[in-house]
Amino acid sequence: MRILTDQLNAHIKKQAENYGVEKLWWNKVDGGKNGAKSDYVKKHFVGDEPVKGNKVYCILEAMESTYSFANRELLTKKGKVYNKIFKCKKRVKHYYVYFHDELLGGLCYLKICSYLPFPCEFYFNGHQYIAQELDKKGIGYKMKDNAFVKVDDLDVLKELSSSLKGQEVLERIKYWQARFFKFEEKSYSTCSKYLEHNWYSLQVEICSNTIFKSALLCTNLFECLIDKFIRFGSPESLIQVFDKKRLPKKTKSSWRKFTNNGCLKHWFGKNSIKMYNKIGYFIRFETTINDPNSLGLQKPIGFLQSYYWKGLACNNRFMGCCSDVDVSSLMKEEVEQLTEPVVVKNGKKVAAMDLRKKRQIELFGVLLNPKYSIHGFRTRELLVELPGQFRNSAQIRYEMAKLRARGLIMKEKNQCFYRVTSQGWKWLWVSICSSKYFNNPLVSMDFSDDEKSECAQASKFEESCQLLNSALSTITKEFAMA
């Protein structure tokens, strides 16, 4: 066993010389915890210039605990010496090879244990993969930390988020492992075909983000969400979020800080879902899968794409539970702008927007497209974006007049295009979210056959909801609404 360890150490040392990178002992250069290795590499080795192709940054050495084997000399009853191998947990040397991968992008690492059975670990960040693909396609974007706060083409972003397959990741792992996991034998390095690794998912994080133009609105709304969901971690609630049967005594909630902001985390066995205010105007919902078998998923890396869809579904169900937070209470003085008619300078009364119309919500969504935030928009462009919703430009101008009268959009001076104002960004987002997650689900709740799809809430909203549903049911049935 020691011969293999020495040969592996010799090969990694030779590869460090071949790539011209440093091999550093972690305790001497920093020795921190909780992602400090990646931060150290970013600070001292990763520059601001974009990297093309593959590039090795450095190799860090650290002593860590792992399951391995130990050999002991024992005596028989007759006094003869013999060797016996024991399985045990001990501290041994590990190598962290940090590099930039041409497919996965960003900072990745391959962790190699120097003792039998040589367990390895591979890490990459999906946000970095998406950023690299957007660069290749020439699509503009803006990132804050590991969050996309602006992307010119949202359809491409959604496509890239779901396009990465586990087999592609496995090929990149094998590429790097073939270069560093070998054993030096005099003048050459080799690896036996019997020393082959099987790769499984250890931890996968899938996040869904809600971006706000107003940091004040985001903070106020997040405080309301924290107050509501502090008691959310009951088994009955979490089994609906994760779409699985109840796990007795395996659900819990915890409160902690995440970069000085509140973070509410709910556990379902070894899996979890959390909600936190990431950067002041950015609420993130994040599902972490540590036990895929309990969620009906397969552990081999080839099933990586199924983790994405499972995590996205959990995030969507959790976000749907936020529907009973009354956003109007955050801006009481401004609510009437959209709900009541207003009178413009020439004395003409302009009607309020009717959010029951599907085309009105579709128009709001198009106006919030990031590509219009730079060059503005014209009515003929909106007509192309909304086929079948409006017959002609006159209908669009009629709806836009309602927005313009309330200061939600404005026409640039001496220009022929419009822009959404900062106030407009806030109101349009609130209107879309209210219609999608509150108004429409509430009206249609009595007509749903699958009541289990609605997450139970530990708040007083249920009592009010039942009374309101009873009244709405009577009214809608009288009007033959469906």
Protein backbone atom coordinates (compact mmCIF):
# COMPACT_ATOMS: atom_id res chain seq x y z
CA MET A 1 0.00 0.00 0.00
CA ARG A 2 2.84 2.38 0.80
CA ILE A 3 4.46 1.70 -2.58
CA LEU A 4 1.31 2.90 -4.38
CA THR A 5 1.13 6.01 -2.18
CA ASP A 6 4.76 6.91 -2.90
CA GLN A 7 4.27 6.37 -6.64
CA LEU A 8 1.14 8.58 -6.67
CA ASN A 9 2.98 11.32 -4.75
CA ALA A 10 5.85 11.16 -7.24
CA HIS A 11 3.52 11.41 -10.25
CA ILE A 12 1.64 14.46 -8.90
CA LYS A 13 4.95 16.16 -8.14
CA LYS A 14 6.07 15.51 -11.73
CA GLN A 15 2.78 16.86 -13.12
CA ALA A 16 3.17 20.04 -11.07
CA GLU A 17 6.55 20.57 -12.73
CA ASN A 18 5.16 19.78 -16.19
CA TYR A 19 2.34 22.32 -15.81
CA GLY A 20 4.64 24.84 -14.14
CA VAL A 21 2.41 25.32 -11.09
CA GLU A 22 3.09 25.53 -7.36
CA LYS A 23 2.45 22.66 -4.95
CA LEU A 24 1.58 24.30 -1.62
CA TRP A 25 1.05 22.92 1.89
CA TRP A 26 -2.32 24.33 2.95
CA ASN A 27 -1.58 24.80 6.68
CA LYS A 28 1.41 26.99 5.85
CA VAL A 29 -0.26 29.33 3.35
CA ASP A 30 -3.69 29.81 4.97
CA GLY A 31 -5.26 26.84 6.72
CA GLY A 32 -8.79 28.27 6.80
CA LYS A 33 -12.14 26.47 6.53
CA ASN A 34 -15.53 26.73 4.78
CA GLY A 35 -14.45 27.29 1.20
CA ALA A 36 -11.24 29.12 2.13
CA LYS A 37 -9.21 27.06 -0.36
CA SER A 38 -11.23 28.31 -3.32
CA ASP A 39 -11.09 31.89 -2.05
CA TYR A 40 -7.32 31.63 -1.62
CA VAL A 41 -6.85 30.30 -5.17
CA LYS A 42 -9.10 33.02 -6.62
CA LYS A 43 -7.16 35.72 -4.79
CA HIS A 44 -3.62 34.57 -5.63
CA PHE A 45 -3.86 32.63 -8.91
CA VAL A 46 -7.04 33.45 -10.84
CA GLY A 47 -6.79 36.75 -12.72
CA ASP A 48 -9.46 38.98 -14.21
CA GLU A 49 -8.60 38.08 -17.80
CA PRO A 50 -10.89 35.45 -19.42
CA VAL A 51 -9.30 32.02 -19.85
CA LYS A 52 -9.64 29.97 -23.03
CA GLY A 53 -9.12 26.22 -22.99
CA ASN A 54 -7.72 24.32 -20.02
CA LYS A 55 -5.42 25.84 -17.41
CA VAL A 56 -4.04 24.43 -14.15
CA TYR A 57 -3.68 27.07 -11.40
CA CYS A 58 -2.04 25.27 -8.45
CA ILE A 59 -2.05 22.14 -6.28
CA LEU A 60 -2.83 22.35 -2.55
CA GLU A 61 -1.86 19.64 -0.06
CA ALA A 62 -3.86 19.11 3.15
CA MET A 63 -4.27 16.50 5.89
CA GLU A 64 -7.88 15.31 6.14
CA SER A 65 -9.74 12.35 7.63
CA THR A 66 -10.93 9.58 5.33
CA TYR A 67 -11.73 5.88 5.35
CA SER A 68 -8.64 3.89 4.41
CA PHE A 69 -6.73 0.74 5.42
CA ALA A 70 -3.98 0.01 7.90
CA ASN A 71 -1.62 -2.96 8.15
CA ARG A 72 -0.73 -4.49 11.52
CA GLU A 73 1.64 -7.27 12.57
CA LEU A 74 -0.06 -9.74 14.90
CA LEU A 75 1.05 -12.87 16.73
CA THR A 76 -0.61 -16.26 16.61
CA LYS A 77 -1.05 -18.40 19.71
CA LYS A 78 2.11 -20.24 18.69
CA GLY A 79 4.06 -16.96 18.49
CA LYS A 80 4.23 -16.68 14.69
CA VAL A 81 4.07 -13.20 13.13
CA TYR A 82 1.44 -12.47 10.44
CA ASN A 83 0.00 -9.34 8.77
CA LYS A 84 -3.66 -8.27 8.84
CA ILE A 85 -5.32 -5.36 7.05
CA PHE A 86 -7.93 -3.29 8.92
CA LYS A 87 -10.44 -0.79 7.55
CA CYS A 88 -10.22 2.43 9.56
CA LYS A 89 -10.61 6.20 9.48
CA LYS A 90 -7.40 8.23 9.67
CA ARG A 91 -5.86 11.52 8.63
CA VAL A 92 -3.94 11.25 5.37
CA LYS A 93 -2.63 13.60 2.68
CA HIS A 94 -5.07 14.90 0.06
CA TYR A 95 -4.32 16.84 -3.11
CA TYR A 96 -6.55 19.65 -4.42
CA VAL A 97 -5.80 20.27 -8.09
CA TYR A 98 -7.36 23.62 -9.09
CA PHE A 99 -7.90 24.38 -12.78
CA HIS A 100 -10.06 26.04 -15.42
CA ASP A 101 -11.95 23.58 -17.61
CA GLU A 102 -12.72 24.41 -21.23
CA LEU A 103 -16.30 23.00 -21.01
CA LEU A 104 -17.36 23.63 -17.40
CA GLY A 105 -15.61 27.01 -17.10
CA GLY A 106 -14.68 28.88 -13.95
CA LEU A 107 -12.74 27.40 -11.05
CA CYS A 108 -12.96 23.61 -10.67
CA TYR A 109 -10.97 21.19 -8.56
CA LEU A 110 -10.13 17.49 -8.44
CA LYS A 111 -9.48 16.18 -4.94
CA ILE A 112 -7.33 13.02 -4.73
CA CYS A 113 -6.66 10.97 -1.59
CA SER A 114 -3.12 9.57 -1.54
CA TYR A 115 -4.05 6.34 0.35
CA LEU A 116 -6.04 3.29 -0.65
CA PRO A 117 -8.81 3.08 -1.79
CA PHE A 118 -7.94 6.53 -3.30
CA PRO A 119 -11.38 8.24 -2.99
CA CYS A 120 -11.62 11.30 -5.24
CA GLU A 121 -13.93 14.30 -5.41
CA PHE A 122 -14.72 16.70 -8.25
CA TYR A 123 -16.33 20.14 -7.95
CA PHE A 124 -17.65 22.69 -10.43
CA ASN A 125 -20.12 25.60 -10.36
CA GLY A 126 -23.02 25.59 -12.82
CA HIS A 127 -23.17 29.41 -12.85
CA GLN A 128 -19.64 29.49 -14.26
CA TYR A 129 -20.59 27.01 -16.98
CA ILE A 130 -23.56 29.19 -18.01
CA ALA A 131 -21.42 32.36 -17.99
CA GLN A 132 -18.85 30.74 -20.29
CA GLU A 133 -21.55 29.56 -22.72
CA LEU A 134 -23.11 33.06 -22.79
CA ASP A 135 -19.66 34.47 -23.67
CA LYS A 136 -19.38 31.99 -26.54
CA LYS A 137 -22.79 33.03 -27.88
CA GLY A 138 -21.99 36.75 -27.49
CA ILE A 139 -24.95 37.37 -25.16
CA GLY A 140 -24.49 40.16 -22.64
CA TYR A 141 -25.00 39.53 -18.93
CA LYS A 142 -24.09 40.90 -15.52
CA MET A 143 -23.12 38.84 -12.46
CA LYS A 144 -23.01 39.68 -8.76
CA ASP A 145 -21.07 37.04 -6.87
CA ASN A 146 -22.43 33.78 -8.39
CA ALA A 147 -25.81 35.27 -9.34
CA PHE A 148 -27.01 36.53 -12.72
CA VAL A 149 -28.64 39.89 -12.10
CA LYS A 150 -29.13 40.66 -15.79
CA VAL A 151 -29.12 38.63 -19.03
CA ASP A 152 -30.01 40.02 -22.46
CA ASP A 153 -31.70 36.80 -23.63
CA LEU A 154 -33.61 34.95 -20.90
CA ASP A 155 -34.64 32.11 -23.23
CA VAL A 156 -31.00 31.20 -23.82
CA LEU A 157 -30.36 31.36 -20.06
CA LYS A 158 -33.18 28.86 -19.40
CA GLU A 159 -31.94 26.61 -22.19
CA LEU A 160 -28.38 26.56 -20.84
CA SER A 161 -29.59 25.91 -17.28
CA SER A 162 -31.17 22.62 -18.34
CA SER A 163 -28.74 21.58 -21.10
CA LEU A 164 -25.76 20.25 -19.13
CA LYS A 165 -25.79 16.44 -19.03
CA GLY A 166 -24.10 14.17 -16.52
CA GLN A 167 -22.24 12.28 -19.25
CA GLU A 168 -20.51 15.48 -20.38
CA VAL A 169 -19.38 16.17 -16.80
CA LEU A 170 -18.16 12.58 -16.46
CA GLU A 171 -16.01 12.94 -19.59
CA ARG A 172 -14.35 16.06 -18.15
CA ILE A 173 -13.70 14.26 -14.84
CA LYS A 174 -12.04 11.38 -16.65
CA TYR A 175 -9.98 13.85 -18.69
CA TRP A 176 -8.43 15.41 -15.57
CA GLN A 177 -8.18 12.17 -13.66
CA ALA A 178 -6.21 10.59 -16.51
CA ARG A 179 -3.59 13.34 -16.06
CA PHE A 180 -3.21 13.34 -12.28
CA PHE A 181 -4.30 9.92 -11.00
CA LYS A 182 -1.34 7.81 -12.11
CA PHE A 183 1.58 6.06 -10.45
CA GLU A 184 5.22 6.87 -11.20
CA GLU A 185 7.31 3.83 -12.07
CA LYS A 186 10.86 4.95 -12.78
CA SER A 187 10.70 6.72 -16.16
CA TYR A 188 6.95 6.62 -16.86
CA SER A 189 3.57 6.82 -15.12
CA THR A 190 0.72 4.37 -15.48
CA CYS A 191 -2.54 3.26 -13.84
CA SER A 192 -3.89 -0.27 -13.63
CA LYS A 193 -7.27 -0.95 -15.24
CA TYR A 194 -8.39 -2.43 -11.91
CA LEU A 195 -8.02 0.97 -10.22
CA GLU A 196 -11.09 2.51 -11.82
CA HIS A 197 -13.39 5.00 -10.07
CA ASN A 198 -17.17 5.00 -10.14
CA TRP A 199 -18.53 8.55 -9.90
CA TYR A 200 -21.62 9.51 -7.89
CA SER A 201 -23.31 12.75 -6.91
CA LEU A 202 -22.25 13.80 -3.41
CA GLN A 203 -24.10 17.13 -3.20
CA VAL A 204 -26.08 19.09 -5.79
CA GLU A 205 -27.50 22.58 -5.25
CA ILE A 206 -30.25 23.99 -7.48
CA CYS A 207 -31.32 27.61 -6.98
CA SER A 208 -34.14 29.82 -8.23
CA ASN A 209 -33.72 33.58 -7.94
CA THR A 210 -36.12 36.50 -7.71
CA ILE A 211 -34.54 39.85 -8.60
CA PHE A 212 -35.99 43.17 -7.40
CA LYS A 213 -35.31 46.61 -8.82
CA SER A 214 -36.01 48.04 -5.37
CA ALA A 215 -33.79 46.88 -2.49
CA LEU A 216 -36.29 48.37 -0.03
CA LEU A 217 -39.16 46.32 -1.43
CA CYS A 218 -36.99 43.17 -1.43
CA THR A 219 -35.94 43.67 2.19
CA ASN A 220 -39.48 44.37 3.40
CA LEU A 221 -40.89 41.40 1.52
CA PHE A 222 -38.15 39.10 2.80
CA GLU A 223 -38.90 40.11 6.39
CA CYS A 224 -42.54 39.15 5.83
CA LEU A 225 -41.48 35.81 4.33
CA ILE A 226 -39.15 35.08 7.25
CA ASP A 227 -41.92 35.88 9.73
CA LYS A 228 -44.30 33.57 7.92
CA PHE A 229 -42.00 30.61 7.23
CA ILE A 230 -40.22 30.52 10.58
CA ARG A 231 -42.81 27.83 11.49
CA PHE A 232 -42.99 26.21 8.07
CA GLY A 233 -40.76 23.19 8.71
CA SER A 234 -43.52 20.77 9.72
CA PRO A 235 -43.54 17.33 8.05
CA GLU A 236 -46.93 18.01 6.44
CA SER A 237 -45.54 21.09 4.69
CA LEU A 238 -42.19 19.67 3.63
CA ILE A 239 -43.56 16.44 2.17
CA GLN A 240 -45.53 18.58 -0.28
CA VAL A 241 -42.52 20.72 -1.18
CA PHE A 242 -40.37 17.65 -1.82
CA ASP A 243 -43.31 15.64 -3.21
CA LYS A 244 -42.51 12.58 -1.06
CA LYS A 245 -44.06 10.64 1.80
CA ARG A 246 -43.53 11.74 5.37
CA LEU A 247 -40.24 10.90 7.07
CA PRO A 248 -41.00 10.68 10.82
CA LYS A 249 -38.66 12.72 13.00
CA LYS A 250 -36.51 13.65 9.99
CA THR A 251 -37.80 17.16 9.32
CA LYS A 252 -36.62 20.33 11.01
CA SER A 253 -36.03 24.04 10.43
CA SER A 254 -33.07 26.19 11.37
CA TRP A 255 -32.29 29.87 11.40
CA ARG A 256 -28.79 31.17 10.69
CA LYS A 257 -26.91 33.98 9.00
CA PHE A 258 -25.72 33.89 5.42
CA THR A 259 -23.17 36.65 4.70
CA ASN A 260 -24.76 38.76 7.46
CA ASN A 261 -28.28 38.21 6.10
CA GLY A 262 -30.98 35.98 7.54
CA CYS A 263 -31.31 32.47 6.12
CA LEU A 264 -34.19 30.10 6.84
CA LYS A 265 -33.37 26.44 6.15
CA HIS A 266 -35.75 23.45 6.24
CA TRP A 267 -34.47 19.86 6.36
CA PHE A 268 -36.20 16.83 4.85
CA GLY A 269 -33.98 13.95 5.94
CA LYS A 270 -30.51 14.78 4.59
CA ASN A 271 -31.96 17.06 1.90
CA SER A 272 -32.82 20.69 2.52
CA ILE A 273 -34.37 23.80 1.03
CA LYS A 274 -33.48 27.31 2.15
CA MET A 275 -34.45 30.90 1.46
CA TYR A 276 -32.22 33.93 1.95
CA ASN A 277 -31.68 37.51 0.85
CA LYS A 278 -28.43 37.08 -1.03
CA ILE A 279 -27.27 40.56 -2.06
CA GLY A 280 -29.88 42.96 -0.74
CA TYR A 281 -32.20 42.95 -3.77
CA PHE A 282 -32.04 39.27 -4.63
CA ILE A 283 -34.09 36.53 -2.88
CA ARG A 284 -32.80 33.02 -3.54
CA PHE A 285 -34.61 29.72 -3.04
CA GLU A 286 -32.17 26.81 -3.04
CA THR A 287 -32.70 23.04 -2.86
CA THR A 288 -29.73 20.95 -1.72
CA ILE A 289 -29.81 17.22 -2.50
CA ASN A 290 -27.55 15.07 -0.32
CA ASP A 291 -29.65 11.89 -0.30
CA PRO A 292 -30.99 11.34 -3.84
CA ASN A 293 -32.38 7.87 -3.07
CA SER A 294 -34.92 9.34 -0.63
CA LEU A 295 -36.23 11.57 -3.45
CA GLY A 296 -36.39 8.78 -6.04
CA LEU A 297 -33.20 9.85 -7.83
CA GLN A 298 -30.20 7.78 -8.94
CA LYS A 299 -26.74 8.48 -7.49
CA PRO A 300 -24.51 7.91 -10.60
CA ILE A 301 -23.30 11.16 -12.18
CA GLY A 302 -25.04 10.24 -15.44
CA PHE A 303 -28.38 11.17 -13.83
CA LEU A 304 -27.25 14.73 -13.07
CA GLN A 305 -29.92 16.36 -15.24
CA SER A 306 -32.72 14.73 -13.23
CA TYR A 307 -31.37 16.54 -10.13
CA TYR A 308 -31.92 19.86 -11.89
CA TRP A 309 -35.57 19.16 -12.67
CA LYS A 310 -36.24 17.77 -9.19
CA GLY A 311 -34.63 20.75 -7.48
CA LEU A 312 -36.43 23.21 -9.75
CA ALA A 313 -39.79 21.59 -8.95
CA CYS A 314 -39.09 21.83 -5.19
CA ASN A 315 -38.12 25.51 -5.55
CA ASN A 316 -41.28 26.27 -7.53
CA ARG A 317 -43.50 24.60 -4.93
CA PHE A 318 -41.79 26.50 -2.13
CA MET A 319 -42.10 29.80 -4.02
CA GLY A 320 -45.78 29.01 -4.58
CA CYS A 321 -46.21 28.91 -0.80
CA CYS A 322 -45.28 32.60 -0.72
CA SER A 323 -48.55 33.50 -2.46
CA ASP A 324 -50.40 34.62 0.66
CA VAL A 325 -47.94 37.41 1.51
CA ASP A 326 -49.83 40.62 0.77
CA VAL A 327 -47.36 42.75 -1.18
CA SER A 328 -49.74 45.70 -1.18
CA SER A 329 -49.07 46.17 2.55
CA LEU A 330 -45.49 47.06 1.70
CA MET A 331 -46.56 50.07 -0.39
CA LYS A 332 -49.96 51.15 0.90
CA GLU A 333 -49.90 54.65 -0.59
CA GLU A 334 -49.19 53.39 -4.08
CA VAL A 335 -51.78 50.60 -4.38
CA GLU A 336 -54.52 52.83 -5.77
CA GLN A 337 -52.39 53.81 -8.78
CA LEU A 338 -53.24 50.54 -10.51
CA THR A 339 -56.66 49.85 -9.07
CA GLU A 340 -58.41 53.21 -9.55
CA PRO A 341 -58.90 55.46 -12.60
CA VAL A 342 -56.67 58.55 -12.80
CA VAL A 343 -57.21 61.96 -14.38
CA VAL A 344 -54.46 63.35 -16.64
CA LYS A 345 -53.61 66.99 -17.33
CA ASN A 346 -56.22 67.54 -20.06
CA GLY A 347 -58.98 66.34 -17.71
CA LYS A 348 -59.35 63.00 -19.44
CA LYS A 349 -59.97 60.01 -17.17
CA VAL A 350 -57.77 57.00 -17.84
CA ALA A 351 -59.10 53.62 -16.74
CA ALA A 352 -57.17 51.20 -14.53
CA MET A 353 -55.44 48.11 -15.88
CA ASP A 354 -57.52 44.95 -15.90
CA LEU A 355 -55.18 42.23 -14.65
CA ARG A 356 -57.80 39.56 -15.34
CA LYS A 357 -56.91 39.86 -19.03
CA LYS A 358 -54.22 37.45 -20.11
CA ARG A 359 -52.90 39.89 -22.73
CA GLN A 360 -52.36 42.53 -20.04
CA ILE A 361 -50.08 40.19 -18.07
CA GLU A 362 -48.33 39.10 -21.29
CA LEU A 363 -47.67 42.77 -22.15
CA PHE A 364 -46.16 43.37 -18.69
CA GLY A 365 -43.83 40.42 -19.17
CA VAL A 366 -42.60 41.71 -22.54
CA LEU A 367 -41.98 45.21 -21.17
CA LEU A 368 -39.69 43.73 -18.50
CA ASN A 369 -37.48 42.04 -21.10
CA PRO A 370 -33.89 43.17 -20.34
CA LYS A 371 -33.19 43.97 -24.00
CA TYR A 372 -35.63 46.91 -23.82
CA SER A 373 -33.88 48.45 -20.80
CA ILE A 374 -31.04 49.68 -23.05
CA HIS A 375 -32.63 50.92 -26.26
CA GLY A 376 -36.27 51.18 -25.18
CA PHE A 377 -39.20 49.78 -27.19
CA ARG A 378 -41.70 50.76 -29.89
CA THR A 379 -45.30 49.64 -30.32
CA ARG A 380 -44.51 47.79 -33.54
CA GLU A 381 -41.86 45.75 -31.71
CA LEU A 382 -44.41 44.83 -29.02
CA LEU A 383 -46.89 43.75 -31.69
CA VAL A 384 -44.33 41.25 -33.00
CA GLU A 385 -43.59 40.01 -29.48
CA LEU A 386 -47.30 39.41 -28.72
CA PRO A 387 -48.76 37.55 -31.70
CA GLY A 388 -52.43 36.74 -31.27
CA GLN A 389 -52.86 38.91 -28.15
CA PHE A 390 -53.38 42.25 -29.95
CA ARG A 391 -54.90 42.81 -33.38
CA ASN A 392 -53.06 46.06 -34.13
CA SER A 393 -50.79 48.75 -32.68
CA ALA A 394 -53.78 50.86 -31.59
CA GLN A 395 -54.79 48.28 -28.99
CA ILE A 396 -51.25 48.26 -27.60
CA ARG A 397 -51.15 52.07 -27.47
CA TYR A 398 -54.44 52.04 -25.56
CA GLU A 399 -52.99 49.73 -22.89
CA MET A 400 -49.71 51.67 -22.82
CA ALA A 401 -51.63 54.91 -22.19
CA LYS A 402 -52.80 53.45 -18.87
CA LEU A 403 -49.20 52.78 -17.88
CA ARG A 404 -47.95 56.14 -19.11
CA ALA A 405 -50.64 58.03 -17.16
CA ARG A 406 -49.36 56.45 -13.96
CA GLY A 407 -45.70 57.12 -14.65
CA LEU A 408 -44.86 53.45 -15.17
CA ILE A 409 -43.49 54.08 -18.67
CA MET A 410 -42.25 57.28 -20.27
CA LYS A 411 -41.47 58.52 -23.74
CA GLU A 412 -37.98 59.89 -24.26
CA LYS A 413 -37.85 63.55 -25.30
CA ASN A 414 -37.47 64.00 -29.08
CA GLN A 415 -37.40 60.20 -29.46
CA CYS A 416 -39.85 57.67 -30.87
CA PHE A 417 -39.44 54.96 -28.25
CA TYR A 418 -40.52 54.36 -24.67
CA ARG A 419 -38.78 53.17 -21.51
CA VAL A 420 -40.01 51.51 -18.30
CA THR A 421 -39.37 53.77 -15.31
CA SER A 422 -37.89 52.55 -12.02
CA GLN A 423 -41.37 52.81 -10.50
CA GLY A 424 -42.69 50.83 -13.47
CA TRP A 425 -40.19 48.01 -12.97
CA LYS A 426 -41.37 47.58 -9.39
CA TRP A 427 -45.09 47.68 -10.18
CA LEU A 428 -44.94 45.42 -13.21
CA TRP A 429 -43.06 42.76 -11.28
CA VAL A 430 -45.50 42.98 -8.36
CA SER A 431 -48.48 42.78 -10.71
CA ILE A 432 -47.18 39.69 -12.49
CA CYS A 433 -46.26 37.92 -9.24
CA SER A 434 -49.59 38.80 -7.61
CA SER A 435 -51.54 37.51 -10.61
CA LYS A 436 -49.52 34.31 -10.91
CA TYR A 437 -49.06 33.36 -7.28
CA PHE A 438 -52.03 34.98 -5.48
CA ASN A 439 -55.03 36.22 -7.45
CA ASN A 440 -55.46 33.43 -9.99
CA PRO A 441 -54.63 30.51 -7.65
CA LEU A 442 -57.01 31.90 -5.03
CA VAL A 443 -59.94 32.23 -7.42
CA SER A 444 -59.38 28.80 -8.95
CA MET A 445 -58.65 26.97 -5.66
CA ASP A 446 -62.20 25.60 -5.32
CA PHE A 447 -62.07 24.22 -8.83
CA SER A 448 -58.88 22.23 -8.24
CA ASP A 449 -59.26 18.45 -7.92
CA ASP A 450 -55.84 17.96 -6.39
CA GLU A 451 -55.94 19.76 -3.06
CA LYS A 452 -52.66 18.16 -2.04
CA SER A 453 -50.81 20.38 -4.50
CA GLU A 454 -51.47 23.35 -2.20
CA CYS A 455 -48.80 23.60 0.53
CA ALA A 456 -50.11 23.83 4.08
CA GLN A 457 -49.25 27.08 5.77
CA ALA A 458 -48.72 27.56 9.50
CA SER A 459 -50.40 30.98 9.62
CA LYS A 460 -53.83 32.56 10.12
CA PHE A 461 -54.21 32.85 6.37
CA GLU A 462 -55.97 29.46 6.13
CA GLU A 463 -59.00 30.57 8.18
CA SER A 464 -59.40 33.70 6.07
CA CYS A 465 -58.78 31.71 2.92
CA GLN A 466 -61.59 29.26 3.71
CA LEU A 467 -64.08 32.08 4.36
CA LEU A 468 -62.96 33.95 1.26
CA ASN A 469 -63.10 30.81 -0.87
CA SER A 470 -66.63 30.11 0.30
CA ALA A 471 -67.72 33.61 -0.76
CA LEU A 472 -65.79 33.45 -4.03
CA SER A 473 -67.24 30.04 -4.79
CA THR A 474 -70.80 31.31 -4.42
CA ILE A 475 -70.12 34.39 -6.56
CA THR A 476 -68.27 32.58 -9.33
CA LYS A 477 -70.82 29.77 -9.53
CA GLU A 478 -73.64 32.33 -9.78
CA PHE A 479 -71.82 33.94 -12.72
CA ALA A 480 -71.07 30.50 -14.22
CA MET A 481 -67.33 31.20 -14.06
CA ALA A 482 -64.93 28.28 -14.54
